[in-house]
Amino acid sequence: MDRYPISSKSLEKHYSINGDHLGQQYKEHLSGYSQWDQKDHAQDWMLFPENLGARLSLDETSLSNGELYTILTNKAAKGQKGVLAAMVRGTKAESVIEVLTKIPQRLLGCDQ
């Protein structure tokens, strides 16, 4: 589950386990989620400056129930690990700018 996009529920038929229980155990004990430094604000925004690159893409998307998100991706990652640089709930420029300004200047290739 760390390396491949599979659900714990999909493992039930192969390993005679309770997928919901496995998923909860994974989240709470194995994944490191409880120590994640972005846990407190992840419902509103996530920022992964280590995934920045020279070619970025900024787009808006609706993931579920009409919730809109603005997503900044690294085009060099080509949809693989390291593609997500930032994700912000909503599409208001002010909200997106507020999160993106948290990126350290040294990572932006700026002289400032």
C-alpha atoms as a PDB file:
ATOM      1  CA  MET A   1       0.000   0.000   0.000  1.00  0.00           C
ATOM      2  CA  ASP A   2       3.018   2.283   0.334  1.00  0.00           C
ATOM      3  CA  ARG A   3       4.205   1.778  -3.224  1.00  0.00           C
ATOM      4  CA  TYR A   4       1.123   0.878  -5.253  1.00  0.00           C
ATOM      5  CA  PRO A   5      -2.345   2.454  -5.432  1.00  0.00           C
ATOM      6  CA  ILE A   6      -4.312  -0.437  -3.970  1.00  0.00           C
ATOM      7  CA  SER A   7      -7.013  -0.312  -1.347  1.00  0.00           C
ATOM      8  CA  SER A   8      -6.997  -2.398   1.789  1.00  0.00           C
ATOM      9  CA  LYS A   9     -10.503  -3.543   0.828  1.00  0.00           C
ATOM     10  CA  SER A  10      -9.175  -5.106  -2.399  1.00  0.00           C
ATOM     11  CA  LEU A  11      -6.872  -7.376  -0.362  1.00  0.00           C
ATOM     12  CA  GLU A  12      -9.785  -9.109   1.393  1.00  0.00           C
ATOM     13  CA  LYS A  13     -10.431 -11.698  -1.287  1.00  0.00           C
ATOM     14  CA  HIS A  14      -6.771 -12.678  -1.601  1.00  0.00           C
ATOM     15  CA  TYR A  15      -5.717 -12.837   2.036  1.00  0.00           C
ATOM     16  CA  SER A  16      -8.892 -13.553   4.070  1.00  0.00           C
ATOM     17  CA  ILE A  17      -8.630 -10.336   6.069  1.00  0.00           C
ATOM     18  CA  ASN A  18     -10.953  -7.536   7.051  1.00  0.00           C
ATOM     19  CA  GLY A  19      -9.975  -4.769   4.608  1.00  0.00           C
ATOM     20  CA  ASP A  20     -11.540  -1.984   6.653  1.00  0.00           C
ATOM     21  CA  HIS A  21      -9.647  -3.056   9.764  1.00  0.00           C
ATOM     22  CA  LEU A  22      -6.376  -3.327   7.808  1.00  0.00           C
ATOM     23  CA  GLY A  23      -6.920   0.138   6.326  1.00  0.00           C
ATOM     24  CA  GLN A  24      -7.505   1.655   9.761  1.00  0.00           C
ATOM     25  CA  GLN A  25      -4.447  -0.109  11.217  1.00  0.00           C
ATOM     26  CA  TYR A  26      -2.319   1.031   8.286  1.00  0.00           C
ATOM     27  CA  LYS A  27      -3.416   4.656   8.679  1.00  0.00           C
ATOM     28  CA  GLU A  28      -3.021   4.806  12.457  1.00  0.00           C
ATOM     29  CA  HIS A  29       0.086   2.681  13.007  1.00  0.00           C
ATOM     30  CA  LEU A  30       2.066   1.860   9.873  1.00  0.00           C
ATOM     31  CA  SER A  31       1.852   4.887   7.586  1.00  0.00           C
ATOM     32  CA  GLY A  32       3.299   7.531   9.880  1.00  0.00           C
ATOM     33  CA  TYR A  33       0.168   9.641   9.336  1.00  0.00           C
ATOM     34  CA  SER A  34      -0.101  10.584  13.022  1.00  0.00           C
ATOM     35  CA  GLN A  35       3.350  12.232  12.856  1.00  0.00           C
ATOM     36  CA  TRP A  36       2.802  13.899   9.470  1.00  0.00           C
ATOM     37  CA  ASP A  37       3.818  17.561   9.644  1.00  0.00           C
ATOM     38  CA  GLN A  38       0.922  18.685   7.411  1.00  0.00           C
ATOM     39  CA  LYS A  39      -1.830  16.795   9.221  1.00  0.00           C
ATOM     40  CA  ASP A  40      -3.287  19.909  10.898  1.00  0.00           C
ATOM     41  CA  HIS A  41      -3.934  21.780   7.650  1.00  0.00           C
ATOM     42  CA  ALA A  42      -4.122  18.981   5.062  1.00  0.00           C
ATOM     43  CA  GLN A  43      -7.885  19.359   4.655  1.00  0.00           C
ATOM     44  CA  ASP A  44      -7.290  22.896   3.360  1.00  0.00           C
ATOM     45  CA  TRP A  45      -3.871  22.709   1.704  1.00  0.00           C
ATOM     46  CA  MET A  46      -0.773  20.577   1.243  1.00  0.00           C
ATOM     47  CA  LEU A  47       2.618  21.753   0.087  1.00  0.00           C
ATOM     48  CA  PHE A  48       5.515  19.586  -1.126  1.00  0.00           C
ATOM     49  CA  PRO A  49       8.290  22.022  -2.141  1.00  0.00           C
ATOM     50  CA  GLU A  50      10.702  19.130  -2.683  1.00  0.00           C
ATOM     51  CA  ASN A  51       8.592  18.240  -5.745  1.00  0.00           C
ATOM     52  CA  LEU A  52       9.101  21.586  -7.494  1.00  0.00           C
ATOM     53  CA  GLY A  53      10.735  21.578 -10.893  1.00  0.00           C
ATOM     54  CA  ALA A  54      11.515  23.858 -13.810  1.00  0.00           C
ATOM     55  CA  ARG A  55       8.220  23.048 -15.571  1.00  0.00           C
ATOM     56  CA  LEU A  56       5.087  23.343 -13.438  1.00  0.00           C
ATOM     57  CA  SER A  57       1.407  23.082 -14.221  1.00  0.00           C
ATOM     58  CA  LEU A  58      -1.379  24.862 -12.313  1.00  0.00           C
ATOM     59  CA  ASP A  59      -4.893  23.526 -12.777  1.00  0.00           C
ATOM     60  CA  GLU A  60      -8.280  23.400 -11.107  1.00  0.00           C
ATOM     61  CA  THR A  61     -10.212  20.201 -10.557  1.00  0.00           C
ATOM     62  CA  SER A  62     -13.293  18.883  -8.814  1.00  0.00           C
ATOM     63  CA  LEU A  63     -12.532  15.713  -6.864  1.00  0.00           C
ATOM     64  CA  SER A  64     -15.872  14.841  -5.246  1.00  0.00           C
ATOM     65  CA  ASN A  65     -19.213  16.379  -4.366  1.00  0.00           C
ATOM     66  CA  GLY A  66     -18.352  19.532  -6.299  1.00  0.00           C
ATOM     67  CA  GLU A  67     -15.391  20.427  -4.097  1.00  0.00           C
ATOM     68  CA  LEU A  68     -12.916  22.480  -6.125  1.00  0.00           C
ATOM     69  CA  TYR A  69      -9.148  22.283  -5.704  1.00  0.00           C
ATOM     70  CA  THR A  70      -6.195  24.052  -7.269  1.00  0.00           C
ATOM     71  CA  ILE A  71      -3.298  21.713  -7.959  1.00  0.00           C
ATOM     72  CA  LEU A  72       0.328  22.576  -8.743  1.00  0.00           C
ATOM     73  CA  THR A  73       2.219  19.702 -10.366  1.00  0.00           C
ATOM     74  CA  ASN A  74       5.743  19.044 -11.582  1.00  0.00           C
ATOM     75  CA  LYS A  75       5.508  18.124 -15.266  1.00  0.00           C
ATOM     76  CA  ALA A  76       8.881  16.321 -15.202  1.00  0.00           C
ATOM     77  CA  ALA A  77       7.440  13.650 -12.883  1.00  0.00           C
ATOM     78  CA  LYS A  78       5.021  12.604 -15.658  1.00  0.00           C
ATOM     79  CA  GLY A  79       2.293  11.453 -13.276  1.00  0.00           C
ATOM     80  CA  GLN A  80       4.634   9.401 -11.095  1.00  0.00           C
ATOM     81  CA  LYS A  81       6.008   9.907  -7.588  1.00  0.00           C
ATOM     82  CA  GLY A  82       6.945  13.534  -6.946  1.00  0.00           C
ATOM     83  CA  VAL A  83       4.331  15.039  -9.245  1.00  0.00           C
ATOM     84  CA  LEU A  84       2.307  16.874  -6.573  1.00  0.00           C
ATOM     85  CA  ALA A  85       3.886  20.154  -5.465  1.00  0.00           C
ATOM     86  CA  ALA A  86       0.812  21.782  -3.905  1.00  0.00           C
ATOM     87  CA  MET A  87      -2.903  21.275  -3.492  1.00  0.00           C
ATOM     88  CA  VAL A  88      -5.222  24.003  -2.204  1.00  0.00           C
ATOM     89  CA  ARG A  89      -8.918  23.707  -1.429  1.00  0.00           C
ATOM     90  CA  GLY A  90     -10.789  26.186  -3.608  1.00  0.00           C
ATOM     91  CA  THR A  91      -9.868  28.276  -6.593  1.00  0.00           C
ATOM     92  CA  LYS A  92      -9.657  31.794  -5.144  1.00  0.00           C
ATOM     93  CA  ALA A  93      -6.381  33.426  -6.141  1.00  0.00           C
ATOM     94  CA  GLU A  94      -5.867  34.806  -2.624  1.00  0.00           C
ATOM     95  CA  SER A  95      -6.032  31.323  -1.052  1.00  0.00           C
ATOM     96  CA  VAL A  96      -3.682  29.796  -3.606  1.00  0.00           C
ATOM     97  CA  ILE A  97      -1.192  32.668  -3.331  1.00  0.00           C
ATOM     98  CA  GLU A  98      -1.210  32.424   0.466  1.00  0.00           C
ATOM     99  CA  VAL A  99      -0.096  28.779   0.274  1.00  0.00           C
ATOM    100  CA  LEU A 100       2.388  29.188  -2.579  1.00  0.00           C
ATOM    101  CA  THR A 101       4.151  32.044  -0.784  1.00  0.00           C
ATOM    102  CA  LYS A 102       5.126  29.511   1.893  1.00  0.00           C
ATOM    103  CA  ILE A 103       7.578  27.968  -0.607  1.00  0.00           C
ATOM    104  CA  PRO A 104      11.126  28.992   0.356  1.00  0.00           C
ATOM    105  CA  GLN A 105      12.645  31.466  -2.122  1.00  0.00           C
ATOM    106  CA  ARG A 106      15.787  29.314  -2.453  1.00  0.00           C
ATOM    107  CA  LEU A 107      13.668  26.568  -4.022  1.00  0.00           C
ATOM    108  CA  LEU A 108      12.152  28.887  -6.593  1.00  0.00           C
ATOM    109  CA  GLY A 109      15.415  29.717  -8.318  1.00  0.00           C
ATOM    110  CA  CYS A 110      14.913  33.397  -7.525  1.00  0.00           C
ATOM    111  CA  ASP A 111      17.742  35.766  -6.739  1.00  0.00           C
ATOM    112  CA  GLN A 112      15.683  37.509  -4.040  1.00  0.00           C
END
